[in-house]
Amino acid sequence: MNTYDFTDRVAVVTGGAQGIGGTVAKAFSDGGAKVALWDLDRTLADRHAEAIGGQAFSCDVADFASVESAHKATVEAF
């Protein structure tokens, strides 16, 4: 398996609470990135973020205002 060094990087993963997004979020975290999980299911995102050392944010990527809000919160958090 390939490994990458994402130290001092922030990765935003949409749909990061589970499935492919959850796996990608874990890979970024394993590589040293600070991970922001953007997901509709905040409860599930919080659980996965805690498991991988990331941070969850509520976000509906189909709603521009929601994306702007998640972006602002992510920048403030990291």
PDB file of N, CA and C in Angstrom:
ATOM      1  N   MET A   1       0.831  -1.181   0.000  1.00  0.00           N
ATOM      2  CA  MET A   1       0.000   0.000   0.000  1.00  0.00           C
ATOM      3  C   MET A   1       0.879   1.249   0.000  1.00  0.00           C
ATOM      4  N   ASN A   2       0.481   2.239  -0.764  1.00  0.00           N
ATOM      5  CA  ASN A   2       1.217   3.499  -0.820  1.00  0.00           C
ATOM      6  C   ASN A   2       0.963   4.310   0.445  1.00  0.00           C
ATOM      7  N   THR A   3       1.984   5.035   0.880  1.00  0.00           N
ATOM      8  CA  THR A   3       1.823   5.949   2.001  1.00  0.00           C
ATOM      9  C   THR A   3       2.283   7.334   1.564  1.00  0.00           C
ATOM     10  N   TYR A   4       1.644   8.322   2.105  1.00  0.00           N
ATOM     11  CA  TYR A   4       1.958   9.705   1.775  1.00  0.00           C
ATOM     12  C   TYR A   4       2.123  10.499   3.054  1.00  0.00           C
ATOM     13  N   ASP A   5       2.912  11.556   2.984  1.00  0.00           N
ATOM     14  CA  ASP A   5       3.126  12.416   4.142  1.00  0.00           C
ATOM     15  C   ASP A   5       2.298  13.686   3.969  1.00  0.00           C
ATOM     16  N   PHE A   6       1.248  13.791   4.766  1.00  0.00           N
ATOM     17  CA  PHE A   6       0.377  14.966   4.736  1.00  0.00           C
ATOM     18  C   PHE A   6       0.548  15.826   5.986  1.00  0.00           C
ATOM     19  N   THR A   7       1.685  15.718   6.637  1.00  0.00           N
ATOM     20  CA  THR A   7       1.967  16.515   7.821  1.00  0.00           C
ATOM     21  C   THR A   7       1.843  18.001   7.481  1.00  0.00           C
ATOM     22  N   ASP A   8       1.236  18.759   8.383  1.00  0.00           N
ATOM     23  CA  ASP A   8       1.027  20.200   8.220  1.00  0.00           C
ATOM     24  C   ASP A   8       0.046  20.546   7.105  1.00  0.00           C
ATOM     25  N   ARG A   9      -0.785  19.584   6.727  1.00  0.00           N
ATOM     26  CA  ARG A   9      -1.817  19.806   5.707  1.00  0.00           C
ATOM     27  C   ARG A   9      -3.190  19.624   6.335  1.00  0.00           C
ATOM     28  N   VAL A  10      -4.185  20.277   5.751  1.00  0.00           N
ATOM     29  CA  VAL A  10      -5.576  20.074   6.152  1.00  0.00           C
ATOM     30  C   VAL A  10      -6.302  19.469   4.967  1.00  0.00           C
ATOM     31  N   ALA A  11      -7.002  18.372   5.220  1.00  0.00           N
ATOM     32  CA  ALA A  11      -7.781  17.708   4.177  1.00  0.00           C
ATOM     33  C   ALA A  11      -9.262  17.855   4.502  1.00  0.00           C
ATOM     34  N   VAL A  12     -10.029  18.336   3.540  1.00  0.00           N
ATOM     35  CA  VAL A  12     -11.480  18.402   3.674  1.00  0.00           C
ATOM     36  C   VAL A  12     -12.045  17.231   2.882  1.00  0.00           C
ATOM     37  N   VAL A  13     -12.826  16.390   3.555  1.00  0.00           N
ATOM     38  CA  VAL A  13     -13.407  15.222   2.904  1.00  0.00           C
ATOM     39  C   VAL A  13     -14.923  15.332   2.979  1.00  0.00           C
ATOM     40  N   THR A  14     -15.558  15.514   1.819  1.00  0.00           N
ATOM     41  CA  THR A  14     -17.016  15.554   1.783  1.00  0.00           C
ATOM     42  C   THR A  14     -17.535  14.123   1.853  1.00  0.00           C
ATOM     43  N   GLY A  15     -18.619  13.944   2.580  1.00  0.00           N
ATOM     44  CA  GLY A  15     -19.149  12.598   2.782  1.00  0.00           C
ATOM     45  C   GLY A  15     -18.194  11.751   3.598  1.00  0.00           C
ATOM     46  N   GLY A  16     -17.462  12.397   4.499  1.00  0.00           N
ATOM     47  CA  GLY A  16     -16.394  11.730   5.237  1.00  0.00           C
ATOM     48  C   GLY A  16     -16.824  10.897   6.423  1.00  0.00           C
ATOM     49  N   ALA A  17     -18.116  10.781   6.673  1.00  0.00           N
ATOM     50  CA  ALA A  17     -18.587  10.046   7.848  1.00  0.00           C
ATOM     51  C   ALA A  17     -18.541   8.537   7.668  1.00  0.00           C
ATOM     52  N   GLN A  18     -18.625   8.064   6.410  1.00  0.00           N
ATOM     53  CA  GLN A  18     -18.686   6.618   6.181  1.00  0.00           C
ATOM     54  C   GLN A  18     -18.350   6.301   4.727  1.00  0.00           C
ATOM     55  N   GLY A  19     -18.307   5.036   4.421  1.00  0.00           N
ATOM     56  CA  GLY A  19     -18.086   4.597   3.046  1.00  0.00           C
ATOM     57  C   GLY A  19     -16.745   5.035   2.499  1.00  0.00           C
ATOM     58  N   ILE A  20     -16.742   5.365   1.204  1.00  0.00           N
ATOM     59  CA  ILE A  20     -15.504   5.777   0.541  1.00  0.00           C
ATOM     60  C   ILE A  20     -14.939   7.033   1.203  1.00  0.00           C
ATOM     61  N   GLY A  21     -15.796   8.000   1.507  1.00  0.00           N
ATOM     62  CA  GLY A  21     -15.334   9.223   2.160  1.00  0.00           C
ATOM     63  C   GLY A  21     -14.693   8.946   3.505  1.00  0.00           C
ATOM     64  N   GLY A  22     -15.274   8.027   4.262  1.00  0.00           N
ATOM     65  CA  GLY A  22     -14.712   7.663   5.559  1.00  0.00           C
ATOM     66  C   GLY A  22     -13.350   7.012   5.426  1.00  0.00           C
ATOM     67  N   THR A  23     -13.204   6.170   4.407  1.00  0.00           N
ATOM     68  CA  THR A  23     -11.923   5.508   4.155  1.00  0.00           C
ATOM     69  C   THR A  23     -10.870   6.517   3.715  1.00  0.00           C
ATOM     70  N   VAL A  24     -11.260   7.448   2.866  1.00  0.00           N
ATOM     71  CA  VAL A  24     -10.333   8.491   2.412  1.00  0.00           C
ATOM     72  C   VAL A  24      -9.917   9.365   3.598  1.00  0.00           C
ATOM     73  N   ALA A  25     -10.877   9.731   4.447  1.00  0.00           N
ATOM     74  CA  ALA A  25     -10.563  10.549   5.621  1.00  0.00           C
ATOM     75  C   ALA A  25      -9.556   9.847   6.519  1.00  0.00           C
ATOM     76  N   LYS A  26      -9.734   8.554   6.738  1.00  0.00           N
ATOM     77  CA  LYS A  26      -8.797   7.795   7.572  1.00  0.00           C
ATOM     78  C   LYS A  26      -7.416   7.756   6.928  1.00  0.00           C
ATOM     79  N   ALA A  27      -7.351   7.590   5.620  1.00  0.00           N
ATOM     80  CA  ALA A  27      -6.060   7.560   4.929  1.00  0.00           C
ATOM     81  C   ALA A  27      -5.330   8.896   5.086  1.00  0.00           C
ATOM     82  N   PHE A  28      -6.059  10.002   4.947  1.00  0.00           N
ATOM     83  CA  PHE A  28      -5.437  11.311   5.165  1.00  0.00           C
ATOM     84  C   PHE A  28      -4.937  11.437   6.600  1.00  0.00           C
ATOM     85  N   SER A  29      -5.762  11.025   7.545  1.00  0.00           N
ATOM     86  CA  SER A  29      -5.365  11.090   8.948  1.00  0.00           C
ATOM     87  C   SER A  29      -4.138  10.224   9.220  1.00  0.00           C
ATOM     88  N   ASP A  30      -4.137   9.019   8.675  1.00  0.00           N
ATOM     89  CA  ASP A  30      -2.985   8.119   8.836  1.00  0.00           C
ATOM     90  C   ASP A  30      -1.709   8.729   8.246  1.00  0.00           C
ATOM     91  N   GLY A  31      -1.873   9.586   7.226  1.00  0.00           N
ATOM     92  CA  GLY A  31      -0.734  10.244   6.601  1.00  0.00           C
ATOM     93  C   GLY A  31      -0.307  11.514   7.318  1.00  0.00           C
ATOM     94  N   GLY A  32      -0.982  11.858   8.419  1.00  0.00           N
ATOM     95  CA  GLY A  32      -0.572  13.009   9.210  1.00  0.00           C
ATOM     96  C   GLY A  32      -1.374  14.275   8.996  1.00  0.00           C
ATOM     97  N   ALA A  33      -2.383  14.235   8.123  1.00  0.00           N
ATOM     98  CA  ALA A  33      -3.190  15.428   7.868  1.00  0.00           C
ATOM     99  C   ALA A  33      -4.150  15.702   9.016  1.00  0.00           C
ATOM    100  N   LYS A  34      -4.489  16.963   9.168  1.00  0.00           N
ATOM    101  CA  LYS A  34      -5.616  17.355  10.009  1.00  0.00           C
ATOM    102  C   LYS A  34      -6.833  17.211   9.097  1.00  0.00           C
ATOM    103  N   VAL A  35      -7.853  16.478   9.556  1.00  0.00           N
ATOM    104  CA  VAL A  35      -8.959  16.126   8.668  1.00  0.00           C
ATOM    105  C   VAL A  35     -10.263  16.783   9.098  1.00  0.00           C
ATOM    106  N   ALA A  36     -10.911  17.444   8.143  1.00  0.00           N
ATOM    107  CA  ALA A  36     -12.245  18.015   8.332  1.00  0.00           C
ATOM    108  C   ALA A  36     -13.234  17.138   7.581  1.00  0.00           C
ATOM    109  N   LEU A  37     -14.176  16.561   8.317  1.00  0.00           N
ATOM    110  CA  LEU A  37     -15.209  15.733   7.705  1.00  0.00           C
ATOM    111  C   LEU A  37     -16.448  16.587   7.480  1.00  0.00           C
ATOM    112  N   TRP A  38     -16.818  16.792   6.224  1.00  0.00           N
ATOM    113  CA  TRP A  38     -18.034  17.520   5.888  1.00  0.00           C
ATOM    114  C   TRP A  38     -19.090  16.488   5.534  1.00  0.00           C
ATOM    115  N   ASP A  39     -20.199  16.472   6.260  1.00  0.00           N
ATOM    116  CA  ASP A  39     -21.222  15.458   6.008  1.00  0.00           C
ATOM    117  C   ASP A  39     -22.584  15.956   6.458  1.00  0.00           C
ATOM    118  N   LEU A  40     -23.635  15.412   5.833  1.00  0.00           N
ATOM    119  CA  LEU A  40     -25.006  15.721   6.246  1.00  0.00           C
ATOM    120  C   LEU A  40     -25.328  15.116   7.608  1.00  0.00           C
ATOM    121  N   ASP A  41     -24.786  13.918   7.855  1.00  0.00           N
ATOM    122  CA  ASP A  41     -25.066  13.202   9.101  1.00  0.00           C
ATOM    123  C   ASP A  41     -24.024  13.596  10.146  1.00  0.00           C
ATOM    124  N   ARG A  42     -24.307  14.646  10.878  1.00  0.00           N
ATOM    125  CA  ARG A  42     -23.338  15.195  11.829  1.00  0.00           C
ATOM    126  C   ARG A  42     -23.016  14.205  12.950  1.00  0.00           C
ATOM    127  N   THR A  43     -24.017  13.462  13.414  1.00  0.00           N
ATOM    128  CA  THR A  43     -23.785  12.506  14.496  1.00  0.00           C
ATOM    129  C   THR A  43     -22.792  11.443  14.063  1.00  0.00           C
ATOM    130  N   LEU A  44     -22.997  10.874  12.887  1.00  0.00           N
ATOM    131  CA  LEU A  44     -22.082   9.858  12.378  1.00  0.00           C
ATOM    132  C   LEU A  44     -20.709  10.459  12.083  1.00  0.00           C
ATOM    133  N   ALA A  45     -20.692  11.673  11.547  1.00  0.00           N
ATOM    134  CA  ALA A  45     -19.423  12.346  11.258  1.00  0.00           C
ATOM    135  C   ALA A  45     -18.644  12.610  12.547  1.00  0.00           C
ATOM    136  N   ASP A  46     -19.345  13.008  13.608  1.00  0.00           N
ATOM    137  CA  ASP A  46     -18.680  13.224  14.894  1.00  0.00           C
ATOM    138  C   ASP A  46     -18.023  11.935  15.391  1.00  0.00           C
ATOM    139  N   ARG A  47     -18.737  10.812  15.267  1.00  0.00           N
ATOM    140  CA  ARG A  47     -18.183   9.535  15.729  1.00  0.00           C
ATOM    141  C   ARG A  47     -16.947   9.146  14.931  1.00  0.00           C
ATOM    142  N   HIS A  48     -17.019   9.299  13.608  1.00  0.00           N
ATOM    143  CA  HIS A  48     -15.864   8.921  12.775  1.00  0.00           C
ATOM    144  C   HIS A  48     -14.701   9.889  13.005  1.00  0.00           C
ATOM    145  N   ALA A  49     -15.008  11.173  13.151  1.00  0.00           N
ATOM    146  CA  ALA A  49     -13.953  12.161  13.410  1.00  0.00           C
ATOM    147  C   ALA A  49     -13.224  11.834  14.703  1.00  0.00           C
ATOM    148  N   GLU A  50     -13.973  11.460  15.724  1.00  0.00           N
ATOM    149  CA  GLU A  50     -13.348  11.093  16.992  1.00  0.00           C
ATOM    150  C   GLU A  50     -12.454   9.870  16.817  1.00  0.00           C
ATOM    151  N   ALA A  51     -12.891   8.913  16.023  1.00  0.00           N
ATOM    152  CA  ALA A  51     -12.128   7.681  15.823  1.00  0.00           C
ATOM    153  C   ALA A  51     -10.814   7.921  15.081  1.00  0.00           C
ATOM    154  N   ILE A  52     -10.788   8.916  14.185  1.00  0.00           N
ATOM    155  CA  ILE A  52      -9.574   9.146  13.388  1.00  0.00           C
ATOM    156  C   ILE A  52      -8.809  10.396  13.809  1.00  0.00           C
ATOM    157  N   GLY A  53      -9.304  11.101  14.818  1.00  0.00           N
ATOM    158  CA  GLY A  53      -8.630  12.317  15.269  1.00  0.00           C
ATOM    159  C   GLY A  53      -8.907  13.524  14.401  1.00  0.00           C
ATOM    160  N   GLY A  54     -10.050  13.522  13.719  1.00  0.00           N
ATOM    161  CA  GLY A  54     -10.424  14.656  12.877  1.00  0.00           C
ATOM    162  C   GLY A  54     -11.464  15.530  13.540  1.00  0.00           C
ATOM    163  N   GLN A  55     -12.103  16.370  12.748  1.00  0.00           N
ATOM    164  CA  GLN A  55     -13.157  17.238  13.249  1.00  0.00           C
ATOM    165  C   GLN A  55     -14.298  17.231  12.242  1.00  0.00           C
ATOM    166  N   ALA A  56     -15.537  17.138  12.736  1.00  0.00           N
ATOM    167  CA  ALA A  56     -16.715  17.060  11.876  1.00  0.00           C
ATOM    168  C   ALA A  56     -17.396  18.417  11.728  1.00  0.00           C
ATOM    169  N   PHE A  57     -17.983  18.620  10.563  1.00  0.00           N
ATOM    170  CA  PHE A  57     -18.736  19.825  10.262  1.00  0.00           C
ATOM    171  C   PHE A  57     -19.984  19.428   9.483  1.00  0.00           C
ATOM    172  N   SER A  58     -21.107  20.056   9.810  1.00  0.00           N
ATOM    173  CA  SER A  58     -22.336  19.822   9.046  1.00  0.00           C
ATOM    174  C   SER A  58     -22.203  20.511   7.700  1.00  0.00           C
ATOM    175  N   CYS A  59     -22.533  19.782   6.626  1.00  0.00           N
ATOM    176  CA  CYS A  59     -22.439  20.389   5.306  1.00  0.00           C
ATOM    177  C   CYS A  59     -23.300  19.631   4.304  1.00  0.00           C
ATOM    178  N   ASP A  60     -24.077  20.395   3.534  1.00  0.00           N
ATOM    179  CA  ASP A  60     -24.826  19.874   2.402  1.00  0.00           C
ATOM    180  C   ASP A  60     -24.169  20.474   1.166  1.00  0.00           C
ATOM    181  N   VAL A  61     -23.408  19.675   0.435  1.00  0.00           N
ATOM    182  CA  VAL A  61     -22.641  20.206  -0.696  1.00  0.00           C
ATOM    183  C   VAL A  61     -23.533  20.674  -1.847  1.00  0.00           C
ATOM    184  N   ALA A  62     -24.823  20.360  -1.797  1.00  0.00           N
ATOM    185  CA  ALA A  62     -25.762  20.836  -2.811  1.00  0.00           C
ATOM    186  C   ALA A  62     -26.315  22.223  -2.471  1.00  0.00           C
ATOM    187  N   ASP A  63     -25.922  22.756  -1.312  1.00  0.00           N
ATOM    188  CA  ASP A  63     -26.398  24.053  -0.844  1.00  0.00           C
ATOM    189  C   ASP A  63     -25.191  24.971  -0.647  1.00  0.00           C
ATOM    190  N   PHE A  64     -25.071  25.980  -1.511  1.00  0.00           N
ATOM    191  CA  PHE A  64     -23.891  26.847  -1.492  1.00  0.00           C
ATOM    192  C   PHE A  64     -23.696  27.524  -0.136  1.00  0.00           C
ATOM    193  N   ALA A  65     -24.777  27.956   0.489  1.00  0.00           N
ATOM    194  CA  ALA A  65     -24.665  28.606   1.797  1.00  0.00           C
ATOM    195  C   ALA A  65     -24.111  27.637   2.837  1.00  0.00           C
ATOM    196  N   SER A  66     -24.484  26.376   2.748  1.00  0.00           N
ATOM    197  CA  SER A  66     -23.979  25.358   3.669  1.00  0.00           C
ATOM    198  C   SER A  66     -22.479  25.146   3.453  1.00  0.00           C
ATOM    199  N   VAL A  67     -22.055  25.130   2.199  1.00  0.00           N
ATOM    200  CA  VAL A  67     -20.632  24.967   1.879  1.00  0.00           C
ATOM    201  C   VAL A  67     -19.839  26.167   2.398  1.00  0.00           C
ATOM    202  N   GLU A  68     -20.364  27.364   2.193  1.00  0.00           N
ATOM    203  CA  GLU A  68     -19.688  28.558   2.707  1.00  0.00           C
ATOM    204  C   GLU A  68     -19.554  28.508   4.228  1.00  0.00           C
ATOM    205  N   SER A  69     -20.607  28.075   4.896  1.00  0.00           N
ATOM    206  CA  SER A  69     -20.584  27.978   6.348  1.00  0.00           C
ATOM    207  C   SER A  69     -19.567  26.943   6.824  1.00  0.00           C
ATOM    208  N   ALA A  70     -19.549  25.782   6.182  1.00  0.00           N
ATOM    209  CA  ALA A  70     -18.591  24.738   6.548  1.00  0.00           C
ATOM    210  C   ALA A  70     -17.164  25.196   6.273  1.00  0.00           C
ATOM    211  N   HIS A  71     -16.970  25.894   5.168  1.00  0.00           N
ATOM    212  CA  HIS A  71     -15.639  26.415   4.838  1.00  0.00           C
ATOM    213  C   HIS A  71     -15.157  27.387   5.915  1.00  0.00           C
ATOM    214  N   LYS A  72     -16.024  28.317   6.282  1.00  0.00           N
ATOM    215  CA  LYS A  72     -15.666  29.308   7.300  1.00  0.00           C
ATOM    216  C   LYS A  72     -15.330  28.610   8.626  1.00  0.00           C
ATOM    217  N   ALA A  73     -16.141  27.648   9.025  1.00  0.00           N
ATOM    218  CA  ALA A  73     -15.905  26.929  10.290  1.00  0.00           C
ATOM    219  C   ALA A  73     -14.614  26.125  10.230  1.00  0.00           C
ATOM    220  N   THR A  74     -14.324  25.552   9.076  1.00  0.00           N
ATOM    221  CA  THR A  74     -13.093  24.768   8.912  1.00  0.00           C
ATOM    222  C   THR A  74     -11.859  25.654   9.005  1.00  0.00           C
ATOM    223  N   VAL A  75     -11.891  26.786   8.341  1.00  0.00           N
ATOM    224  CA  VAL A  75     -10.761  27.713   8.389  1.00  0.00           C
ATOM    225  C   VAL A  75     -10.538  28.197   9.816  1.00  0.00           C
ATOM    226  N   GLU A  76     -11.617  28.507  10.532  1.00  0.00           N
ATOM    227  CA  GLU A  76     -11.479  28.945  11.915  1.00  0.00           C
ATOM    228  C   GLU A  76     -10.924  27.838  12.809  1.00  0.00           C
ATOM    229  N   ALA A  77     -11.323  26.592  12.551  1.00  0.00           N
ATOM    230  CA  ALA A  77     -10.891  25.462  13.392  1.00  0.00           C
ATOM    231  C   ALA A  77      -9.431  25.079  13.151  1.00  0.00           C
ATOM    232  N   PHE A  78      -8.976  25.230  11.920  1.00  0.00           N
ATOM    233  CA  PHE A  78      -7.627  24.783  11.592  1.00  0.00           C
ATOM    234  C   PHE A  78      -6.699  25.945  11.280  1.00  0.00           C
TER     235      PHE A  78
END
